């Protein structure tokens, strides 16, 4: 699965999924293809993986989300795709930090605003 996604062979990815492969397969550190795409700033790949059913709130072995890495690396377009795909900006990692806190710490106010806007939108949809 990792190899097919890395090469963006979407027909192969879909075939693997039809035969029972998981889009959320994890490596030894708990990183999924979505993590690697977010880490490397590939917004289009992140979007496609979410469309294929990747879980944006799956955590790695350290309790981190793909969103944490997109924030840390400054991939604002990936952050936007992950948030729109359902990733929670207020979910905490093992150390108690969340993506919003990390964005604030790194001075990425536009990401803080993005997370706050999405949180407000989600809350208003629930009520």
C-alpha atoms as a PDB file:
ATOM      1  CA  UNK A   1       0.000   0.000   0.000  1.00  0.00           C
ATOM      2  CA  UNK A   2       2.747   2.468   0.952  1.00  0.00           C
ATOM      3  CA  UNK A   3       4.580   1.879  -2.325  1.00  0.00           C
ATOM      4  CA  UNK A   4       1.463   2.284  -4.473  1.00  0.00           C
ATOM      5  CA  UNK A   5       0.525   5.521  -2.701  1.00  0.00           C
ATOM      6  CA  UNK A   6       4.086   6.847  -2.891  1.00  0.00           C
ATOM      7  CA  UNK A   7       4.014   6.283  -6.647  1.00  0.00           C
ATOM      8  CA  UNK A   8       0.449   7.684  -6.817  1.00  0.00           C
ATOM      9  CA  UNK A   9      -0.796   4.552  -8.519  1.00  0.00           C
ATOM     10  CA  UNK A  10      -4.404   5.145  -7.495  1.00  0.00           C
ATOM     11  CA  UNK A  11      -5.808   2.278  -9.568  1.00  0.00           C
ATOM     12  CA  UNK A  12      -3.488  -0.082  -7.683  1.00  0.00           C
ATOM     13  CA  UNK A  13      -4.465   1.493  -4.339  1.00  0.00           C
ATOM     14  CA  UNK A  14      -8.147   0.980  -5.133  1.00  0.00           C
ATOM     15  CA  UNK A  15      -7.476  -2.608  -6.223  1.00  0.00           C
ATOM     16  CA  UNK A  16      -5.615  -3.300  -2.977  1.00  0.00           C
ATOM     17  CA  UNK A  17      -8.524  -1.840  -1.014  1.00  0.00           C
ATOM     18  CA  UNK A  18     -11.000  -4.056  -2.897  1.00  0.00           C
ATOM     19  CA  UNK A  19      -8.902  -7.045  -1.842  1.00  0.00           C
ATOM     20  CA  UNK A  20      -8.940  -6.124   1.845  1.00  0.00           C
ATOM     21  CA  UNK A  21      -5.854  -3.934   2.289  1.00  0.00           C
ATOM     22  CA  UNK A  22      -6.203  -1.098   4.779  1.00  0.00           C
ATOM     23  CA  UNK A  23      -5.748   2.518   3.713  1.00  0.00           C
ATOM     24  CA  UNK A  24      -4.685   3.083   7.334  1.00  0.00           C
ATOM     25  CA  UNK A  25      -1.897   0.510   7.365  1.00  0.00           C
ATOM     26  CA  UNK A  26       0.794   1.588   9.830  1.00  0.00           C
ATOM     27  CA  UNK A  27       4.566   1.277   9.790  1.00  0.00           C
ATOM     28  CA  UNK A  28       6.612   0.387  12.879  1.00  0.00           C
ATOM     29  CA  UNK A  29       6.226   3.924  14.288  1.00  0.00           C
ATOM     30  CA  UNK A  30       2.486   3.912  13.656  1.00  0.00           C
ATOM     31  CA  UNK A  31       2.709   6.222  10.658  1.00  0.00           C
ATOM     32  CA  UNK A  32       0.101   5.693   7.956  1.00  0.00           C
ATOM     33  CA  UNK A  33       0.334   6.818   4.331  1.00  0.00           C
ATOM     34  CA  UNK A  34      -1.710   9.844   5.427  1.00  0.00           C
ATOM     35  CA  UNK A  35       0.978  10.751   7.983  1.00  0.00           C
ATOM     36  CA  UNK A  36       3.726  10.573   5.376  1.00  0.00           C
ATOM     37  CA  UNK A  37       1.744  12.629   2.868  1.00  0.00           C
ATOM     38  CA  UNK A  38       0.976  15.275   5.527  1.00  0.00           C
ATOM     39  CA  UNK A  39       4.599  15.339   6.722  1.00  0.00           C
ATOM     40  CA  UNK A  40       5.858  15.848   3.172  1.00  0.00           C
ATOM     41  CA  UNK A  41       3.302  18.514   2.280  1.00  0.00           C
ATOM     42  CA  UNK A  42       1.355  16.631  -0.382  1.00  0.00           C
ATOM     43  CA  UNK A  43      -2.111  18.173   0.001  1.00  0.00           C
ATOM     44  CA  UNK A  44      -3.497  16.436  -3.094  1.00  0.00           C
ATOM     45  CA  UNK A  45      -2.399  13.033  -1.800  1.00  0.00           C
ATOM     46  CA  UNK A  46      -3.850  13.796   1.659  1.00  0.00           C
ATOM     47  CA  UNK A  47      -7.151  14.748   0.038  1.00  0.00           C
ATOM     48  CA  UNK A  48      -7.237  11.591  -2.075  1.00  0.00           C
ATOM     49  CA  UNK A  49      -6.421   9.373   0.908  1.00  0.00           C
ATOM     50  CA  UNK A  50      -9.254  10.917   2.927  1.00  0.00           C
ATOM     51  CA  UNK A  51     -11.606  10.378  -0.036  1.00  0.00           C
ATOM     52  CA  UNK A  52     -10.541   6.716  -0.044  1.00  0.00           C
ATOM     53  CA  UNK A  53     -11.415   6.416   3.653  1.00  0.00           C
ATOM     54  CA  UNK A  54      -8.185   7.238   5.503  1.00  0.00           C
ATOM     55  CA  UNK A  55      -8.846   8.160   9.124  1.00  0.00           C
ATOM     56  CA  UNK A  56      -7.454  11.676   9.771  1.00  0.00           C
ATOM     57  CA  UNK A  57      -7.688  11.121  13.530  1.00  0.00           C
ATOM     58  CA  UNK A  58      -5.632   7.935  13.675  1.00  0.00           C
ATOM     59  CA  UNK A  59      -2.675   8.326  16.032  1.00  0.00           C
ATOM     60  CA  UNK A  60       0.900   7.116  15.712  1.00  0.00           C
ATOM     61  CA  UNK A  61       2.888   5.375  18.474  1.00  0.00           C
ATOM     62  CA  UNK A  62       3.561   8.767  20.126  1.00  0.00           C
ATOM     63  CA  UNK A  63      -0.113   9.694  20.188  1.00  0.00           C
ATOM     64  CA  UNK A  64       0.286  12.270  17.422  1.00  0.00           C
ATOM     65  CA  UNK A  65      -2.068  12.987  14.547  1.00  0.00           C
ATOM     66  CA  UNK A  66      -1.073  13.674  10.944  1.00  0.00           C
ATOM     67  CA  UNK A  67      -2.395  17.195  11.597  1.00  0.00           C
ATOM     68  CA  UNK A  68       0.351  17.773  14.187  1.00  0.00           C
ATOM     69  CA  UNK A  69       3.021  17.145  11.563  1.00  0.00           C
ATOM     70  CA  UNK A  70       1.356  19.312   8.932  1.00  0.00           C
ATOM     71  CA  UNK A  71       1.246  22.165  11.471  1.00  0.00           C
ATOM     72  CA  UNK A  72       4.841  21.599  12.582  1.00  0.00           C
ATOM     73  CA  UNK A  73       6.175  21.502   9.018  1.00  0.00           C
ATOM     74  CA  UNK A  74       4.190  24.601   8.001  1.00  0.00           C
ATOM     75  CA  UNK A  75       2.107  22.885   5.326  1.00  0.00           C
ATOM     76  CA  UNK A  76      -0.914  25.166   5.600  1.00  0.00           C
ATOM     77  CA  UNK A  77      -2.642  23.643   2.564  1.00  0.00           C
ATOM     78  CA  UNK A  78      -2.378  20.185   4.151  1.00  0.00           C
ATOM     79  CA  UNK A  79      -3.672  21.561   7.461  1.00  0.00           C
ATOM     80  CA  UNK A  80      -6.720  22.896   5.631  1.00  0.00           C
ATOM     81  CA  UNK A  81      -7.384  19.552   3.897  1.00  0.00           C
ATOM     82  CA  UNK A  82      -7.023  17.614   7.158  1.00  0.00           C
ATOM     83  CA  UNK A  83      -9.329  19.934   9.095  1.00  0.00           C
ATOM     84  CA  UNK A  84     -11.948  19.838   6.340  1.00  0.00           C
ATOM     85  CA  UNK A  85     -11.501  16.056   6.303  1.00  0.00           C
ATOM     86  CA  UNK A  86     -12.472  15.860   9.954  1.00  0.00           C
ATOM     87  CA  UNK A  87      -9.219  16.006  11.901  1.00  0.00           C
ATOM     88  CA  UNK A  88      -9.629  17.621  15.288  1.00  0.00           C
ATOM     89  CA  UNK A  89      -7.358  20.532  16.077  1.00  0.00           C
ATOM     90  CA  UNK A  90      -8.013  20.206  19.788  1.00  0.00           C
ATOM     91  CA  UNK A  91      -7.102  16.509  20.135  1.00  0.00           C
ATOM     92  CA  UNK A  92      -4.076  16.129  22.425  1.00  0.00           C
ATOM     93  CA  UNK A  93      -0.976  14.017  21.949  1.00  0.00           C
ATOM     94  CA  UNK A  94       0.674  12.022  24.753  1.00  0.00           C
ATOM     95  CA  UNK A  95       2.364  15.173  26.098  1.00  0.00           C
ATOM     96  CA  UNK A  96      -0.937  17.055  26.347  1.00  0.00           C
ATOM     97  CA  UNK A  97      -0.289  19.355  23.382  1.00  0.00           C
ATOM     98  CA  UNK A  98      -2.782  19.740  20.561  1.00  0.00           C
ATOM     99  CA  UNK A  99      -2.406  21.047  17.012  1.00  0.00           C
ATOM    100  CA  UNK A 100      -3.810  24.446  17.959  1.00  0.00           C
ATOM    101  CA  UNK A 101      -1.289  24.797  20.810  1.00  0.00           C
ATOM    102  CA  UNK A 102       1.532  23.801  18.467  1.00  0.00           C
ATOM    103  CA  UNK A 103       0.439  26.330  15.841  1.00  0.00           C
ATOM    104  CA  UNK A 104       0.302  29.051  18.504  1.00  0.00           C
ATOM    105  CA  UNK A 105       3.735  28.069  19.829  1.00  0.00           C
ATOM    106  CA  UNK A 106       5.172  28.253  16.314  1.00  0.00           C
ATOM    107  CA  UNK A 107       3.541  31.631  15.608  1.00  0.00           C
ATOM    108  CA  UNK A 108       1.223  30.273  12.929  1.00  0.00           C
ATOM    109  CA  UNK A 109      -1.744  32.453  13.758  1.00  0.00           C
ATOM    110  CA  UNK A 110      -3.510  31.676  10.452  1.00  0.00           C
ATOM    111  CA  UNK A 111      -3.553  27.991  11.437  1.00  0.00           C
ATOM    112  CA  UNK A 112      -4.839  28.850  14.927  1.00  0.00           C
ATOM    113  CA  UNK A 113      -7.660  30.812  13.286  1.00  0.00           C
ATOM    114  CA  UNK A 114      -8.359  27.946  10.890  1.00  0.00           C
ATOM    115  CA  UNK A 115      -8.636  25.452  13.760  1.00  0.00           C
ATOM    116  CA  UNK A 116     -10.821  27.836  15.781  1.00  0.00           C
ATOM    117  CA  UNK A 117     -13.122  28.462  12.801  1.00  0.00           C
ATOM    118  CA  UNK A 118     -13.529  24.755  12.151  1.00  0.00           C
ATOM    119  CA  UNK A 119     -14.207  24.065  15.833  1.00  0.00           C
ATOM    120  CA  UNK A 120     -16.882  26.763  15.855  1.00  0.00           C
ATOM    121  CA  UNK A 121     -18.387  25.328  12.670  1.00  0.00           C
ATOM    122  CA  UNK A 122     -18.476  21.794  14.106  1.00  0.00           C
ATOM    123  CA  UNK A 123     -20.059  23.010  17.364  1.00  0.00           C
ATOM    124  CA  UNK A 124     -22.739  24.991  15.513  1.00  0.00           C
ATOM    125  CA  UNK A 125     -23.629  21.933  13.390  1.00  0.00           C
ATOM    126  CA  UNK A 126     -24.180  19.886  16.570  1.00  0.00           C
ATOM    127  CA  UNK A 127     -26.701  22.371  18.012  1.00  0.00           C
END
